[in-house]
Amino acid sequence: MAELTKKGDFVEIEFIGYANGDVFDTNLKEKAKEINLRAEVAPLIVCIGRGMVVPGFDKQLEGKEIGKKYKIKIEPEEGFGKRNPSLIKIIPASAFRKQEMSPVPGLMLNLDGMIAKVLSVSGGRVSVDFNNPLSGKDIEYEFTIKRKADSDEEKVNALQDFFFKKKFKFKAEEKKIIFEPQAGPFIKILGKKFSEILGKELEVEEKEVKKKEN
């Protein structure tokens, strides 16, 4: 009988995400070219059951065979959430002019780190929707779990990508991971969750203090 995945496993997955029949995300290079996906396309390694993908997808990664292709459907509550009317804001057109921007309906913006869509422009008022573009939509995923990732290097780097959005150098020991000094601020803020998922303690190397020459 084939071995099945379980919660806590680190796995590498290939996937295609669909909304209304259109691809919105993928880590398959050929598919990414078709939709002109600008984000880097790379293997995705996640820890099952730890919220590294949307909840409905995360749950469906459990109990699956390695190498088998699956297709699942996810409702908004388990995907990108329901639409929230309170996230539609009215912004003065002058705020856009100060940024040398000309708002038009349909324009997608990055405002304070949030993706927003201009709904309408009327006089000096601009209606902007801060809901995730996929909120309120049923989504589908086609995915294959390629393999389990068992090395500390792969696990740590997967968690660095997810939590830190960048990678720091580290040394892996039996019960702990020791990061370079530059990782200190990130470990301070996010290290507890990182350590909990990995099952190892995290440490940061002390900076070397250069002695002044006489």
N, C-alpha and C. Protein backbone atom coordinates (compact mmCIF):
# COMPACT_ATOMS: atom_id res chain seq x y z
N MET A 1 0.84 -1.20 0.00
CA MET A 1 0.00 0.00 0.00
C MET A 1 0.87 1.25 0.00
N ALA A 2 0.49 2.23 -0.81
CA ALA A 2 1.29 3.46 -0.93
C ALA A 2 1.29 4.24 0.38
N GLU A 3 2.43 4.85 0.68
CA GLU A 3 2.53 5.69 1.87
C GLU A 3 1.76 6.99 1.63
N LEU A 4 0.98 7.42 2.61
CA LEU A 4 0.18 8.63 2.48
C LEU A 4 0.78 9.77 3.30
N THR A 5 0.58 10.97 2.82
CA THR A 5 1.08 12.14 3.54
C THR A 5 0.28 12.36 4.82
N LYS A 6 0.92 13.05 5.77
CA LYS A 6 0.24 13.35 7.04
C LYS A 6 0.62 14.75 7.52
N LYS A 7 -0.16 15.24 8.46
CA LYS A 7 0.09 16.57 9.02
C LYS A 7 1.50 16.62 9.59
N GLY A 8 2.22 17.70 9.30
CA GLY A 8 3.59 17.86 9.78
C GLY A 8 4.64 17.46 8.78
N ASP A 9 4.24 16.73 7.71
CA ASP A 9 5.19 16.39 6.65
C ASP A 9 5.56 17.64 5.86
N PHE A 10 6.83 17.74 5.50
CA PHE A 10 7.26 18.75 4.52
C PHE A 10 7.20 18.08 3.15
N VAL A 11 6.49 18.70 2.21
CA VAL A 11 6.34 18.09 0.89
C VAL A 11 6.59 19.12 -0.20
N GLU A 12 7.08 18.65 -1.33
CA GLU A 12 7.23 19.51 -2.52
C GLU A 12 6.01 19.29 -3.41
N ILE A 13 5.36 20.37 -3.78
CA ILE A 13 4.16 20.25 -4.61
C ILE A 13 4.28 21.06 -5.89
N GLU A 14 3.67 20.52 -6.95
CA GLU A 14 3.44 21.26 -8.19
C GLU A 14 1.94 21.54 -8.24
N PHE A 15 1.57 22.76 -8.66
CA PHE A 15 0.15 23.09 -8.61
C PHE A 15 -0.25 24.10 -9.67
N ILE A 16 -1.54 24.10 -9.97
CA ILE A 16 -2.16 25.13 -10.79
C ILE A 16 -3.43 25.55 -10.06
N GLY A 17 -3.60 26.85 -9.84
CA GLY A 17 -4.80 27.37 -9.19
C GLY A 17 -5.71 28.03 -10.22
N TYR A 18 -7.01 27.69 -10.17
CA TYR A 18 -7.98 28.24 -11.12
C TYR A 18 -9.08 29.01 -10.37
N ALA A 19 -9.54 30.10 -10.98
CA ALA A 19 -10.72 30.83 -10.50
C ALA A 19 -11.56 31.15 -11.74
N ASN A 20 -12.80 30.71 -11.73
CA ASN A 20 -13.69 30.88 -12.90
C ASN A 20 -13.06 30.30 -14.17
N GLY A 21 -12.31 29.22 -14.02
CA GLY A 21 -11.70 28.56 -15.17
C GLY A 21 -10.39 29.16 -15.63
N ASP A 22 -10.01 30.31 -15.06
CA ASP A 22 -8.76 30.96 -15.44
C ASP A 22 -7.67 30.68 -14.42
N VAL A 23 -6.44 30.51 -14.89
CA VAL A 23 -5.31 30.26 -13.99
C VAL A 23 -4.95 31.56 -13.27
N PHE A 24 -4.87 31.51 -11.93
CA PHE A 24 -4.44 32.69 -11.19
C PHE A 24 -3.07 32.50 -10.54
N ASP A 25 -2.63 31.25 -10.41
CA ASP A 25 -1.32 31.00 -9.83
C ASP A 25 -0.86 29.61 -10.20
N THR A 26 0.45 29.43 -10.31
CA THR A 26 1.03 28.12 -10.63
C THR A 26 2.52 28.16 -10.38
N ASN A 27 3.13 27.00 -10.19
CA ASN A 27 4.59 26.94 -10.16
C ASN A 27 5.11 25.99 -11.24
N LEU A 28 4.30 25.83 -12.28
CA LEU A 28 4.71 25.09 -13.48
C LEU A 28 5.16 26.12 -14.52
N LYS A 29 6.39 26.01 -14.97
CA LYS A 29 6.98 27.04 -15.83
C LYS A 29 6.18 27.30 -17.10
N GLU A 30 5.78 26.25 -17.79
CA GLU A 30 5.07 26.43 -19.06
C GLU A 30 3.72 27.11 -18.84
N LYS A 31 3.03 26.72 -17.76
CA LYS A 31 1.74 27.33 -17.45
C LYS A 31 1.92 28.79 -17.04
N ALA A 32 3.00 29.07 -16.33
CA ALA A 32 3.27 30.44 -15.89
C ALA A 32 3.52 31.35 -17.08
N LYS A 33 4.18 30.83 -18.11
CA LYS A 33 4.42 31.62 -19.32
C LYS A 33 3.10 32.00 -20.00
N GLU A 34 2.16 31.07 -19.99
CA GLU A 34 0.87 31.30 -20.64
C GLU A 34 0.13 32.49 -20.02
N ILE A 35 0.27 32.69 -18.73
CA ILE A 35 -0.47 33.78 -18.05
C ILE A 35 0.45 34.96 -17.72
N ASN A 36 1.69 34.93 -18.26
CA ASN A 36 2.66 36.00 -18.02
C ASN A 36 2.87 36.27 -16.53
N LEU A 37 2.99 35.20 -15.77
CA LEU A 37 3.20 35.32 -14.33
C LEU A 37 4.59 35.89 -14.07
N ARG A 38 4.63 37.02 -13.39
CA ARG A 38 5.91 37.70 -13.17
C ARG A 38 6.68 37.17 -11.97
N ALA A 39 5.96 36.58 -11.02
CA ALA A 39 6.63 36.05 -9.83
C ALA A 39 7.55 34.89 -10.22
N GLU A 40 8.59 34.69 -9.41
CA GLU A 40 9.53 33.61 -9.68
C GLU A 40 8.84 32.26 -9.57
N VAL A 41 9.04 31.43 -10.57
CA VAL A 41 8.45 30.09 -10.58
C VAL A 41 9.49 29.11 -10.05
N ALA A 42 9.17 28.46 -8.95
CA ALA A 42 10.14 27.57 -8.31
C ALA A 42 9.40 26.46 -7.59
N PRO A 43 10.10 25.36 -7.27
CA PRO A 43 9.46 24.30 -6.49
C PRO A 43 8.91 24.86 -5.19
N LEU A 44 7.75 24.39 -4.78
CA LEU A 44 7.14 24.86 -3.54
C LEU A 44 7.18 23.75 -2.50
N ILE A 45 7.83 24.04 -1.37
CA ILE A 45 7.87 23.09 -0.27
C ILE A 45 7.09 23.70 0.90
N VAL A 46 6.13 22.96 1.42
CA VAL A 46 5.32 23.43 2.54
C VAL A 46 5.24 22.35 3.61
N CYS A 47 4.92 22.79 4.82
CA CYS A 47 4.67 21.85 5.91
C CYS A 47 3.16 21.70 6.03
N ILE A 48 2.66 20.50 5.87
CA ILE A 48 1.21 20.25 5.86
C ILE A 48 0.59 20.58 7.21
N GLY A 49 -0.52 21.33 7.15
CA GLY A 49 -1.25 21.65 8.37
C GLY A 49 -0.75 22.87 9.10
N ARG A 50 0.15 23.63 8.47
CA ARG A 50 0.74 24.79 9.14
C ARG A 50 0.37 26.12 8.47
N GLY A 51 -0.64 26.11 7.63
CA GLY A 51 -1.14 27.36 7.07
C GLY A 51 -0.23 28.02 6.05
N MET A 52 0.58 27.24 5.37
CA MET A 52 1.49 27.82 4.37
C MET A 52 0.83 27.97 3.01
N VAL A 53 -0.37 27.42 2.87
CA VAL A 53 -1.24 27.65 1.70
C VAL A 53 -2.64 27.89 2.26
N VAL A 54 -3.60 28.27 1.41
CA VAL A 54 -4.95 28.57 1.91
C VAL A 54 -5.53 27.35 2.62
N PRO A 55 -6.40 27.57 3.62
CA PRO A 55 -6.87 26.47 4.48
C PRO A 55 -7.42 25.25 3.75
N GLY A 56 -8.26 25.47 2.73
CA GLY A 56 -8.85 24.34 2.02
C GLY A 56 -7.81 23.50 1.29
N PHE A 57 -6.80 24.14 0.75
CA PHE A 57 -5.71 23.44 0.07
C PHE A 57 -4.87 22.69 1.10
N ASP A 58 -4.57 23.36 2.20
CA ASP A 58 -3.76 22.76 3.26
C ASP A 58 -4.38 21.45 3.75
N LYS A 59 -5.69 21.46 4.01
CA LYS A 59 -6.37 20.26 4.50
C LYS A 59 -6.30 19.12 3.49
N GLN A 60 -6.39 19.47 2.20
CA GLN A 60 -6.42 18.45 1.14
C GLN A 60 -5.04 17.85 0.86
N LEU A 61 -3.98 18.40 1.46
CA LEU A 61 -2.65 17.83 1.26
C LEU A 61 -2.43 16.60 2.13
N GLU A 62 -3.28 16.42 3.13
CA GLU A 62 -3.17 15.25 4.01
C GLU A 62 -3.76 14.01 3.34
N GLY A 63 -3.16 12.86 3.65
CA GLY A 63 -3.70 11.59 3.19
C GLY A 63 -3.60 11.38 1.69
N LYS A 64 -2.60 11.96 1.06
CA LYS A 64 -2.44 11.85 -0.39
C LYS A 64 -1.23 11.00 -0.76
N GLU A 65 -1.30 10.39 -1.96
CA GLU A 65 -0.20 9.57 -2.46
C GLU A 65 0.83 10.45 -3.16
N ILE A 66 2.09 10.11 -2.97
CA ILE A 66 3.17 10.80 -3.68
C ILE A 66 3.07 10.48 -5.17
N GLY A 67 3.16 11.52 -6.00
CA GLY A 67 3.20 11.33 -7.45
C GLY A 67 1.84 11.25 -8.12
N LYS A 68 0.75 11.22 -7.34
CA LYS A 68 -0.59 11.13 -7.92
C LYS A 68 -1.17 12.52 -8.12
N LYS A 69 -1.86 12.73 -9.25
CA LYS A 69 -2.44 14.04 -9.54
C LYS A 69 -3.84 14.14 -8.95
N TYR A 70 -4.11 15.27 -8.30
CA TYR A 70 -5.41 15.50 -7.68
C TYR A 70 -6.01 16.81 -8.18
N LYS A 71 -7.34 16.89 -8.11
CA LYS A 71 -8.04 18.14 -8.43
C LYS A 71 -9.09 18.37 -7.35
N ILE A 72 -9.06 19.56 -6.76
CA ILE A 72 -9.98 19.86 -5.65
C ILE A 72 -10.67 21.20 -5.88
N LYS A 73 -11.83 21.36 -5.27
CA LYS A 73 -12.58 22.62 -5.33
C LYS A 73 -12.70 23.18 -3.92
N ILE A 74 -12.50 24.48 -3.79
CA ILE A 74 -12.50 25.12 -2.48
C ILE A 74 -13.46 26.32 -2.48
N GLU A 75 -14.34 26.37 -1.48
CA GLU A 75 -15.27 27.48 -1.35
C GLU A 75 -14.55 28.67 -0.70
N PRO A 76 -15.11 29.88 -0.86
CA PRO A 76 -14.44 31.10 -0.36
C PRO A 76 -14.00 31.03 1.09
N GLU A 77 -14.84 30.44 1.95
CA GLU A 77 -14.52 30.39 3.38
C GLU A 77 -13.20 29.66 3.65
N GLU A 78 -12.87 28.70 2.78
CA GLU A 78 -11.65 27.92 2.95
C GLU A 78 -10.57 28.36 1.96
N GLY A 79 -10.89 29.41 1.19
CA GLY A 79 -9.93 29.92 0.20
C GLY A 79 -9.43 31.29 0.59
N PHE A 80 -9.86 32.31 -0.18
CA PHE A 80 -9.37 33.66 0.07
C PHE A 80 -10.40 34.52 0.81
N GLY A 81 -11.39 33.86 1.41
CA GLY A 81 -12.36 34.56 2.24
C GLY A 81 -13.53 35.14 1.49
N LYS A 82 -14.55 35.52 2.25
CA LYS A 82 -15.70 36.18 1.67
C LYS A 82 -15.37 37.66 1.41
N ARG A 83 -16.11 38.27 0.50
CA ARG A 83 -15.93 39.70 0.26
C ARG A 83 -16.43 40.48 1.46
N ASN A 84 -15.66 41.49 1.84
CA ASN A 84 -15.99 42.32 3.00
C ASN A 84 -16.30 43.74 2.52
N PRO A 85 -17.57 44.15 2.60
CA PRO A 85 -17.96 45.50 2.11
C PRO A 85 -17.18 46.62 2.79
N SER A 86 -16.73 46.41 4.02
CA SER A 86 -16.02 47.47 4.74
C SER A 86 -14.63 47.72 4.17
N LEU A 87 -14.17 46.83 3.29
CA LEU A 87 -12.86 47.02 2.66
C LEU A 87 -12.95 47.82 1.36
N ILE A 88 -14.14 48.32 1.05
CA ILE A 88 -14.28 49.25 -0.08
C ILE A 88 -14.22 50.66 0.49
N LYS A 89 -13.18 51.40 0.11
CA LYS A 89 -12.91 52.71 0.68
C LYS A 89 -13.06 53.82 -0.36
N ILE A 90 -13.40 55.01 0.14
CA ILE A 90 -13.44 56.20 -0.71
C ILE A 90 -12.18 57.01 -0.40
N ILE A 91 -11.39 57.26 -1.44
CA ILE A 91 -10.13 57.99 -1.29
C ILE A 91 -10.18 59.25 -2.15
N PRO A 92 -9.77 60.41 -1.62
CA PRO A 92 -9.76 61.64 -2.42
C PRO A 92 -8.85 61.50 -3.64
N ALA A 93 -9.31 61.98 -4.78
CA ALA A 93 -8.50 61.91 -6.00
C ALA A 93 -7.18 62.65 -5.83
N SER A 94 -7.18 63.66 -4.95
CA SER A 94 -5.95 64.44 -4.72
C SER A 94 -4.82 63.56 -4.18
N ALA A 95 -5.19 62.50 -3.41
CA ALA A 95 -4.16 61.60 -2.87
C ALA A 95 -3.42 60.88 -3.99
N PHE A 96 -4.14 60.59 -5.07
CA PHE A 96 -3.51 59.93 -6.22
C PHE A 96 -2.65 60.92 -7.01
N ARG A 97 -3.16 62.15 -7.14
CA ARG A 97 -2.40 63.16 -7.89
C ARG A 97 -1.07 63.46 -7.22
N LYS A 98 -1.06 63.43 -5.88
CA LYS A 98 0.19 63.68 -5.16
C LYS A 98 1.23 62.62 -5.49
N GLN A 99 0.76 61.41 -5.80
CA GLN A 99 1.66 60.31 -6.16
C GLN A 99 1.86 60.22 -7.68
N GLU A 100 1.38 61.25 -8.38
CA GLU A 100 1.48 61.31 -9.85
C GLU A 100 0.83 60.08 -10.48
N MET A 101 -0.36 59.73 -9.96
CA MET A 101 -1.12 58.60 -10.47
C MET A 101 -2.46 59.09 -10.99
N SER A 102 -2.93 58.46 -12.04
CA SER A 102 -4.22 58.81 -12.61
C SER A 102 -5.16 57.61 -12.47
N PRO A 103 -6.05 57.63 -11.46
CA PRO A 103 -6.93 56.47 -11.22
C PRO A 103 -8.01 56.32 -12.28
N VAL A 104 -8.17 55.10 -12.78
CA VAL A 104 -9.24 54.77 -13.72
C VAL A 104 -9.85 53.44 -13.28
N PRO A 105 -11.14 53.22 -13.52
CA PRO A 105 -11.77 51.97 -13.12
C PRO A 105 -11.03 50.74 -13.66
N GLY A 106 -10.80 49.77 -12.78
CA GLY A 106 -10.10 48.54 -13.17
C GLY A 106 -8.62 48.56 -12.86
N LEU A 107 -8.08 49.74 -12.54
CA LEU A 107 -6.65 49.85 -12.25
C LEU A 107 -6.31 49.10 -10.96
N MET A 108 -5.28 48.25 -11.00
CA MET A 108 -4.81 47.52 -9.82
C MET A 108 -3.64 48.28 -9.22
N LEU A 109 -3.68 48.45 -7.90
CA LEU A 109 -2.67 49.24 -7.21
C LEU A 109 -2.10 48.47 -6.03
N ASN A 110 -0.91 48.88 -5.62
CA ASN A 110 -0.32 48.37 -4.38
C ASN A 110 -0.27 49.54 -3.41
N LEU A 111 -1.20 49.58 -2.48
CA LEU A 111 -1.29 50.68 -1.52
C LEU A 111 -0.96 50.17 -0.13
N ASP A 112 0.15 50.68 0.41
CA ASP A 112 0.59 50.27 1.75
C ASP A 112 0.71 48.76 1.87
N GLY A 113 1.21 48.13 0.82
CA GLY A 113 1.42 46.69 0.85
C GLY A 113 0.19 45.86 0.56
N MET A 114 -0.94 46.52 0.29
CA MET A 114 -2.18 45.79 -0.02
C MET A 114 -2.54 45.99 -1.49
N ILE A 115 -2.96 44.91 -2.13
CA ILE A 115 -3.42 44.99 -3.51
C ILE A 115 -4.84 45.54 -3.52
N ALA A 116 -5.08 46.59 -4.30
CA ALA A 116 -6.39 47.22 -4.34
C ALA A 116 -6.79 47.48 -5.79
N LYS A 117 -8.11 47.56 -6.01
CA LYS A 117 -8.64 47.77 -7.34
C LYS A 117 -9.54 49.00 -7.35
N VAL A 118 -9.30 49.89 -8.31
CA VAL A 118 -10.15 51.06 -8.46
C VAL A 118 -11.48 50.63 -9.07
N LEU A 119 -12.58 50.92 -8.36
CA LEU A 119 -13.91 50.54 -8.84
C LEU A 119 -14.55 51.65 -9.67
N SER A 120 -14.44 52.88 -9.18
CA SER A 120 -15.07 54.00 -9.89
C SER A 120 -14.38 55.31 -9.53
N VAL A 121 -14.50 56.27 -10.42
CA VAL A 121 -13.96 57.61 -10.20
C VAL A 121 -15.08 58.60 -10.47
N SER A 122 -15.42 59.38 -9.46
CA SER A 122 -16.51 60.34 -9.61
C SER A 122 -16.09 61.66 -8.98
N GLY A 123 -15.84 62.65 -9.85
CA GLY A 123 -15.40 63.95 -9.35
C GLY A 123 -14.09 63.81 -8.61
N GLY A 124 -14.08 64.22 -7.35
CA GLY A 124 -12.86 64.14 -6.56
C GLY A 124 -12.81 62.93 -5.67
N ARG A 125 -13.69 61.94 -5.93
CA ARG A 125 -13.76 60.75 -5.09
C ARG A 125 -13.45 59.49 -5.89
N VAL A 126 -12.62 58.64 -5.31
CA VAL A 126 -12.24 57.39 -5.96
C VAL A 126 -12.63 56.23 -5.06
N SER A 127 -13.45 55.31 -5.58
CA SER A 127 -13.85 54.12 -4.83
C SER A 127 -12.83 53.01 -5.08
N VAL A 128 -12.24 52.52 -4.00
CA VAL A 128 -11.16 51.53 -4.11
C VAL A 128 -11.51 50.29 -3.29
N ASP A 129 -11.35 49.13 -3.89
CA ASP A 129 -11.68 47.85 -3.25
C ASP A 129 -10.40 47.18 -2.75
N PHE A 130 -10.30 47.01 -1.42
CA PHE A 130 -9.12 46.39 -0.82
C PHE A 130 -9.31 44.89 -0.57
N ASN A 131 -10.44 44.34 -0.98
CA ASN A 131 -10.63 42.90 -0.88
C ASN A 131 -9.63 42.18 -1.78
N ASN A 132 -9.20 41.01 -1.35
CA ASN A 132 -8.37 40.19 -2.23
C ASN A 132 -9.13 39.94 -3.52
N PRO A 133 -8.49 40.07 -4.68
CA PRO A 133 -9.20 39.85 -5.95
C PRO A 133 -9.91 38.50 -6.04
N LEU A 134 -9.46 37.53 -5.24
CA LEU A 134 -10.07 36.19 -5.28
C LEU A 134 -11.07 35.97 -4.15
N SER A 135 -11.30 36.98 -3.33
CA SER A 135 -12.26 36.80 -2.24
C SER A 135 -13.66 36.64 -2.82
N GLY A 136 -14.44 35.78 -2.17
CA GLY A 136 -15.80 35.53 -2.62
C GLY A 136 -15.91 34.56 -3.78
N LYS A 137 -14.77 34.04 -4.26
CA LYS A 137 -14.80 33.14 -5.41
C LYS A 137 -14.48 31.71 -5.01
N ASP A 138 -15.16 30.75 -5.66
CA ASP A 138 -14.74 29.35 -5.57
C ASP A 138 -13.45 29.20 -6.36
N ILE A 139 -12.52 28.46 -5.84
CA ILE A 139 -11.27 28.22 -6.56
C ILE A 139 -11.02 26.72 -6.67
N GLU A 140 -10.20 26.36 -7.63
CA GLU A 140 -9.83 24.95 -7.82
C GLU A 140 -8.31 24.84 -7.90
N TYR A 141 -7.81 23.73 -7.44
CA TYR A 141 -6.38 23.43 -7.56
C TYR A 141 -6.21 22.06 -8.20
N GLU A 142 -5.29 22.00 -9.16
CA GLU A 142 -4.75 20.73 -9.63
C GLU A 142 -3.36 20.64 -9.01
N PHE A 143 -3.05 19.52 -8.37
CA PHE A 143 -1.74 19.44 -7.72
C PHE A 143 -1.22 18.02 -7.68
N THR A 144 0.09 17.94 -7.60
CA THR A 144 0.78 16.66 -7.42
C THR A 144 1.83 16.85 -6.33
N ILE A 145 1.83 15.95 -5.37
CA ILE A 145 2.89 15.96 -4.35
C ILE A 145 4.04 15.15 -4.92
N LYS A 146 5.12 15.84 -5.24
CA LYS A 146 6.24 15.20 -5.93
C LYS A 146 7.05 14.29 -5.00
N ARG A 147 7.24 14.75 -3.75
CA ARG A 147 8.07 13.98 -2.82
C ARG A 147 7.97 14.60 -1.44
N LYS A 148 8.46 13.87 -0.46
CA LYS A 148 8.62 14.44 0.87
C LYS A 148 10.00 15.08 0.95
N ALA A 149 10.09 16.21 1.62
CA ALA A 149 11.37 16.89 1.82
C ALA A 149 11.85 16.60 3.23
N ASP A 150 12.94 15.89 3.36
CA ASP A 150 13.38 15.42 4.68
C ASP A 150 14.62 16.13 5.21
N SER A 151 15.36 16.85 4.35
CA SER A 151 16.59 17.47 4.83
C SER A 151 16.32 18.76 5.60
N ASP A 152 17.17 19.03 6.60
CA ASP A 152 17.04 20.26 7.37
C ASP A 152 17.18 21.48 6.46
N GLU A 153 18.08 21.40 5.49
CA GLU A 153 18.30 22.54 4.59
C GLU A 153 17.01 22.92 3.85
N GLU A 154 16.32 21.92 3.31
CA GLU A 154 15.08 22.20 2.58
C GLU A 154 13.99 22.73 3.51
N LYS A 155 13.88 22.14 4.67
CA LYS A 155 12.85 22.56 5.62
C LYS A 155 13.08 24.00 6.07
N VAL A 156 14.32 24.29 6.47
CA VAL A 156 14.63 25.64 6.95
C VAL A 156 14.43 26.68 5.85
N ASN A 157 14.88 26.37 4.65
CA ASN A 157 14.73 27.33 3.56
C ASN A 157 13.26 27.54 3.18
N ALA A 158 12.45 26.47 3.26
CA ALA A 158 11.01 26.62 2.99
C ALA A 158 10.37 27.56 3.99
N LEU A 159 10.75 27.42 5.26
CA LEU A 159 10.19 28.28 6.30
C LEU A 159 10.74 29.70 6.21
N GLN A 160 11.98 29.84 5.78
CA GLN A 160 12.53 31.19 5.57
C GLN A 160 11.76 31.91 4.46
N ASP A 161 11.49 31.19 3.38
CA ASP A 161 10.72 31.79 2.28
C ASP A 161 9.35 32.25 2.77
N PHE A 162 8.72 31.43 3.61
CA PHE A 162 7.37 31.73 4.07
C PHE A 162 7.34 32.84 5.12
N PHE A 163 8.20 32.75 6.12
CA PHE A 163 8.17 33.71 7.23
C PHE A 163 8.98 34.98 6.96
N PHE A 164 10.18 34.82 6.42
CA PHE A 164 11.09 35.95 6.29
C PHE A 164 11.05 36.62 4.91
N LYS A 165 10.61 35.87 3.89
CA LYS A 165 10.63 36.34 2.50
C LYS A 165 12.06 36.61 2.02
N LYS A 166 13.03 36.03 2.69
CA LYS A 166 14.42 36.09 2.27
C LYS A 166 15.17 34.96 2.97
N LYS A 167 16.40 34.70 2.55
CA LYS A 167 17.14 33.58 3.12
C LYS A 167 18.44 34.06 3.77
N PHE A 168 18.67 33.53 4.98
CA PHE A 168 19.90 33.80 5.70
C PHE A 168 20.71 32.51 5.78
N LYS A 169 22.01 32.65 5.93
CA LYS A 169 22.88 31.49 6.09
C LYS A 169 22.64 30.88 7.48
N PHE A 170 22.79 29.56 7.56
CA PHE A 170 22.57 28.88 8.83
C PHE A 170 23.37 27.59 8.89
N LYS A 171 23.52 27.07 10.11
CA LYS A 171 24.13 25.75 10.33
C LYS A 171 23.10 24.89 11.05
N ALA A 172 22.92 23.69 10.57
CA ALA A 172 21.94 22.78 11.17
C ALA A 172 22.65 21.79 12.08
N GLU A 173 22.21 21.72 13.34
CA GLU A 173 22.70 20.73 14.28
C GLU A 173 21.55 19.81 14.66
N GLU A 174 21.83 18.81 15.48
CA GLU A 174 20.81 17.80 15.79
C GLU A 174 19.56 18.41 16.41
N LYS A 175 19.73 19.33 17.34
CA LYS A 175 18.57 19.87 18.05
C LYS A 175 18.36 21.36 17.86
N LYS A 176 19.21 22.00 17.06
CA LYS A 176 19.04 23.43 16.87
C LYS A 176 19.57 23.89 15.51
N ILE A 177 19.11 25.08 15.12
CA ILE A 177 19.55 25.73 13.89
C ILE A 177 20.19 27.05 14.29
N ILE A 178 21.41 27.28 13.82
CA ILE A 178 22.14 28.50 14.18
C ILE A 178 22.23 29.41 12.95
N PHE A 179 21.63 30.59 13.06
CA PHE A 179 21.58 31.53 11.95
C PHE A 179 22.69 32.58 12.05
N GLU A 180 23.04 33.16 10.91
CA GLU A 180 23.99 34.26 10.90
C GLU A 180 23.39 35.46 11.63
N PRO A 181 24.22 36.39 12.12
CA PRO A 181 23.74 37.52 12.92
C PRO A 181 22.66 38.36 12.25
N GLN A 182 22.72 38.50 10.93
CA GLN A 182 21.76 39.35 10.22
C GLN A 182 20.32 38.87 10.38
N ALA A 183 20.15 37.60 10.76
CA ALA A 183 18.80 37.05 10.91
C ALA A 183 18.17 37.41 12.24
N GLY A 184 18.95 38.01 13.13
CA GLY A 184 18.49 38.29 14.48
C GLY A 184 17.12 38.95 14.60
N PRO A 185 16.88 40.08 13.91
CA PRO A 185 15.57 40.75 14.03
C PRO A 185 14.41 39.87 13.57
N PHE A 186 14.62 39.07 12.55
CA PHE A 186 13.57 38.19 12.04
C PHE A 186 13.28 37.06 13.04
N ILE A 187 14.34 36.50 13.61
CA ILE A 187 14.18 35.43 14.59
C ILE A 187 13.44 35.95 15.82
N LYS A 188 13.74 37.17 16.22
CA LYS A 188 13.11 37.76 17.40
C LYS A 188 11.59 37.86 17.23
N ILE A 189 11.15 38.22 16.02
CA ILE A 189 9.73 38.43 15.77
C ILE A 189 9.01 37.13 15.41
N LEU A 190 9.63 36.31 14.57
CA LEU A 190 8.93 35.16 14.00
C LEU A 190 9.51 33.81 14.42
N GLY A 191 10.56 33.85 15.22
CA GLY A 191 11.28 32.62 15.55
C GLY A 191 10.48 31.59 16.31
N LYS A 192 9.55 32.01 17.18
CA LYS A 192 8.79 31.06 18.00
C LYS A 192 7.98 30.12 17.13
N LYS A 193 7.24 30.67 16.16
CA LYS A 193 6.42 29.85 15.26
C LYS A 193 7.32 28.98 14.38
N PHE A 194 8.39 29.57 13.88
CA PHE A 194 9.37 28.87 13.04
C PHE A 194 9.88 27.64 13.79
N SER A 195 10.30 27.84 15.03
CA SER A 195 10.86 26.77 15.85
C SER A 195 9.82 25.68 16.13
N GLU A 196 8.59 26.10 16.38
CA GLU A 196 7.51 25.16 16.68
C GLU A 196 7.26 24.21 15.51
N ILE A 197 7.24 24.76 14.29
CA ILE A 197 7.00 23.94 13.10
C ILE A 197 8.18 23.01 12.84
N LEU A 198 9.38 23.55 13.00
CA LEU A 198 10.58 22.78 12.68
C LEU A 198 10.91 21.73 13.75
N GLY A 199 10.50 22.02 14.99
CA GLY A 199 10.81 21.08 16.07
C GLY A 199 12.25 21.18 16.54
N LYS A 200 12.87 22.33 16.31
CA LYS A 200 14.24 22.57 16.76
C LYS A 200 14.37 23.98 17.31
N GLU A 201 15.32 24.17 18.21
CA GLU A 201 15.58 25.50 18.74
C GLU A 201 16.30 26.34 17.69
N LEU A 202 16.10 27.66 17.76
CA LEU A 202 16.79 28.58 16.86
C LEU A 202 17.75 29.45 17.66
N GLU A 203 18.93 29.62 17.14
CA GLU A 203 19.91 30.50 17.76
C GLU A 203 20.49 31.43 16.71
N VAL A 204 21.04 32.53 17.16
CA VAL A 204 21.69 33.48 16.26
C VAL A 204 23.13 33.63 16.69
N GLU A 205 24.04 33.52 15.75
CA GLU A 205 25.47 33.68 16.05
C GLU A 205 25.73 35.08 16.56
N GLU A 206 26.66 35.19 17.50
CA GLU A 206 27.05 36.51 17.97
C GLU A 206 27.97 37.16 16.94
N LYS A 207 27.80 38.47 16.82
CA LYS A 207 28.66 39.19 15.88
C LYS A 207 30.09 39.23 16.42
N GLU A 208 31.04 39.05 15.49
CA GLU A 208 32.44 39.14 15.90
C GLU A 208 32.83 40.60 16.09
N VAL A 209 33.47 40.89 17.18
CA VAL A 209 33.93 42.26 17.43
C VAL A 209 35.40 42.33 17.09
N LYS A 210 35.71 43.17 16.09
CA LYS A 210 37.10 43.30 15.66
C LYS A 210 37.89 44.12 16.67
N LYS A 211 39.05 43.58 17.05
CA LYS A 211 39.92 44.30 17.98
C LYS A 211 40.66 45.42 17.27
N LYS A 212 40.72 46.56 17.92
CA LYS A 212 41.43 47.69 17.32
C LYS A 212 42.93 47.45 17.39
N GLU A 213 43.60 47.75 16.29
CA GLU A 213 45.05 47.58 16.28
C GLU A 213 45.70 48.71 17.05
N ASN A 214 46.75 48.36 17.79
CA ASN A 214 47.48 49.40 18.55
C ASN A 214 48.29 50.28 17.62
